[in-house]
Amino acid sequence: MRLQYQEHPIMNTNQQIQTAIHTLSNAFAPLACHILAARKGSFSFTVVDHTGVAQHTQRLYPGQYSADTLPGLIERTRQSLSR
């Protein structure tokens, strides 16, 4: 009998969060992206300019930072930063 390994949902969520944090941290260069208050499957990110002024902040909940939705979120954030 072969047992099938099934990931624990929390591990999967933590992996998604780590991937999203890495992606967001690199998406807005040369601006800095600070990650705040990662807990219970959600976290906040703040994009900060070179003077230290926050230009955009947003809280992300499960489903908002998946590989499918993150590119659209990044694009909308870039558009809001260019206004």
C-alpha atoms as a PDB file:
ATOM      1  CA  MET A   1       0.000   0.000   0.000  1.00  0.00           C
ATOM      2  CA  ARG A   2       1.350   3.385  -0.990  1.00  0.00           C
ATOM      3  CA  LEU A   3       0.681   6.386   1.216  1.00  0.00           C
ATOM      4  CA  GLN A   4       0.149   9.705  -0.435  1.00  0.00           C
ATOM      5  CA  TYR A   5       1.696  12.744   1.212  1.00  0.00           C
ATOM      6  CA  GLN A   6      -0.639  15.678   1.634  1.00  0.00           C
ATOM      7  CA  GLU A   7       0.705  19.082   2.633  1.00  0.00           C
ATOM      8  CA  HIS A   8      -0.730  20.698   5.691  1.00  0.00           C
ATOM      9  CA  PRO A   9      -2.785  23.776   4.660  1.00  0.00           C
ATOM     10  CA  ILE A  10      -0.805  26.049   7.014  1.00  0.00           C
ATOM     11  CA  MET A  11       2.472  25.006   5.394  1.00  0.00           C
ATOM     12  CA  ASN A  12       1.021  25.763   1.990  1.00  0.00           C
ATOM     13  CA  THR A  13      -0.184  29.184   3.163  1.00  0.00           C
ATOM     14  CA  ASN A  14       3.215  29.956   4.696  1.00  0.00           C
ATOM     15  CA  GLN A  15       4.935  28.984   1.462  1.00  0.00           C
ATOM     16  CA  GLN A  16       2.556  31.200  -0.535  1.00  0.00           C
ATOM     17  CA  ILE A  17       3.202  34.109   1.832  1.00  0.00           C
ATOM     18  CA  GLN A  18       6.970  33.686   1.560  1.00  0.00           C
ATOM     19  CA  THR A  19       6.780  33.573  -2.242  1.00  0.00           C
ATOM     20  CA  ALA A  20       4.500  36.636  -2.329  1.00  0.00           C
ATOM     21  CA  ILE A  21       6.788  38.569   0.030  1.00  0.00           C
ATOM     22  CA  HIS A  22       9.806  37.779  -2.143  1.00  0.00           C
ATOM     23  CA  THR A  23       7.929  38.767  -5.313  1.00  0.00           C
ATOM     24  CA  LEU A  24       6.602  42.021  -3.830  1.00  0.00           C
ATOM     25  CA  SER A  25       9.993  42.942  -2.381  1.00  0.00           C
ATOM     26  CA  ASN A  26      11.486  42.818  -5.883  1.00  0.00           C
ATOM     27  CA  ALA A  27       8.535  44.210  -7.855  1.00  0.00           C
ATOM     28  CA  PHE A  28       8.809  47.907  -7.029  1.00  0.00           C
ATOM     29  CA  ALA A  29      12.539  48.635  -7.319  1.00  0.00           C
ATOM     30  CA  PRO A  30      14.017  51.171  -6.885  1.00  0.00           C
ATOM     31  CA  LEU A  31      11.356  51.810  -4.241  1.00  0.00           C
ATOM     32  CA  ALA A  32      11.545  49.742  -1.063  1.00  0.00           C
ATOM     33  CA  CYS A  33       8.787  47.333  -0.112  1.00  0.00           C
ATOM     34  CA  HIS A  34       8.339  46.726   3.604  1.00  0.00           C
ATOM     35  CA  ILE A  35       6.394  43.736   4.864  1.00  0.00           C
ATOM     36  CA  LEU A  36       4.488  44.226   8.110  1.00  0.00           C
ATOM     37  CA  ALA A  37       2.354  42.179  10.484  1.00  0.00           C
ATOM     38  CA  ALA A  38       2.440  38.763   8.847  1.00  0.00           C
ATOM     39  CA  ARG A  39      -0.043  36.691  10.847  1.00  0.00           C
ATOM     40  CA  LYS A  40      -3.063  34.435  10.454  1.00  0.00           C
ATOM     41  CA  GLY A  41      -2.480  34.004   6.727  1.00  0.00           C
ATOM     42  CA  SER A  42      -2.400  37.715   5.947  1.00  0.00           C
ATOM     43  CA  PHE A  43       0.202  40.465   5.836  1.00  0.00           C
ATOM     44  CA  SER A  44       0.615  44.113   4.908  1.00  0.00           C
ATOM     45  CA  PHE A  45       3.062  45.609   2.471  1.00  0.00           C
ATOM     46  CA  THR A  46       4.103  49.222   2.159  1.00  0.00           C
ATOM     47  CA  VAL A  47       5.971  50.725  -0.779  1.00  0.00           C
ATOM     48  CA  VAL A  48       8.327  53.476   0.400  1.00  0.00           C
ATOM     49  CA  ASP A  49      10.163  56.047  -1.724  1.00  0.00           C
ATOM     50  CA  HIS A  50      13.839  57.032  -1.356  1.00  0.00           C
ATOM     51  CA  THR A  51      12.990  59.668   1.271  1.00  0.00           C
ATOM     52  CA  GLY A  52      11.193  57.144   3.474  1.00  0.00           C
ATOM     53  CA  VAL A  53       7.668  58.327   2.672  1.00  0.00           C
ATOM     54  CA  ALA A  54       5.043  55.619   2.235  1.00  0.00           C
ATOM     55  CA  GLN A  55       3.578  55.734  -1.263  1.00  0.00           C
ATOM     56  CA  HIS A  56       1.221  52.756  -1.042  1.00  0.00           C
ATOM     57  CA  THR A  57       0.101  50.366   1.663  1.00  0.00           C
ATOM     58  CA  GLN A  58      -2.201  47.385   1.472  1.00  0.00           C
ATOM     59  CA  ARG A  59      -3.202  44.381   3.568  1.00  0.00           C
ATOM     60  CA  LEU A  60      -3.378  41.065   1.728  1.00  0.00           C
ATOM     61  CA  TYR A  61      -5.558  38.170   2.793  1.00  0.00           C
ATOM     62  CA  PRO A  62      -5.552  34.549   1.617  1.00  0.00           C
ATOM     63  CA  GLY A  63      -6.548  34.391  -2.027  1.00  0.00           C
ATOM     64  CA  GLN A  64      -5.112  37.839  -2.762  1.00  0.00           C
ATOM     65  CA  TYR A  65      -1.469  36.750  -2.950  1.00  0.00           C
ATOM     66  CA  SER A  66      -1.664  33.531  -4.937  1.00  0.00           C
ATOM     67  CA  ALA A  67       0.455  33.056  -8.052  1.00  0.00           C
ATOM     68  CA  ASP A  68      -2.668  33.758 -10.140  1.00  0.00           C
ATOM     69  CA  THR A  69      -3.654  37.041  -8.505  1.00  0.00           C
ATOM     70  CA  LEU A  70      -0.291  38.572  -7.555  1.00  0.00           C
ATOM     71  CA  PRO A  71       0.663  39.873 -11.055  1.00  0.00           C
ATOM     72  CA  GLY A  72      -2.607  41.839 -11.272  1.00  0.00           C
ATOM     73  CA  LEU A  73      -2.107  43.215  -7.774  1.00  0.00           C
ATOM     74  CA  ILE A  74       1.419  44.359  -8.674  1.00  0.00           C
ATOM     75  CA  GLU A  75       0.187  46.012 -11.872  1.00  0.00           C
ATOM     76  CA  ARG A  76      -2.616  47.873 -10.065  1.00  0.00           C
ATOM     77  CA  THR A  77      -0.159  49.012  -7.404  1.00  0.00           C
ATOM     78  CA  ARG A  78       2.291  50.257 -10.058  1.00  0.00           C
ATOM     79  CA  GLN A  79      -0.541  52.184 -11.712  1.00  0.00           C
ATOM     80  CA  SER A  80      -1.502  53.820  -8.415  1.00  0.00           C
ATOM     81  CA  LEU A  81       2.141  54.761  -7.818  1.00  0.00           C
ATOM     82  CA  SER A  82       2.413  56.470 -11.201  1.00  0.00           C
ATOM     83  CA  ARG A  83      -0.516  58.841 -10.529  1.00  0.00           C
END
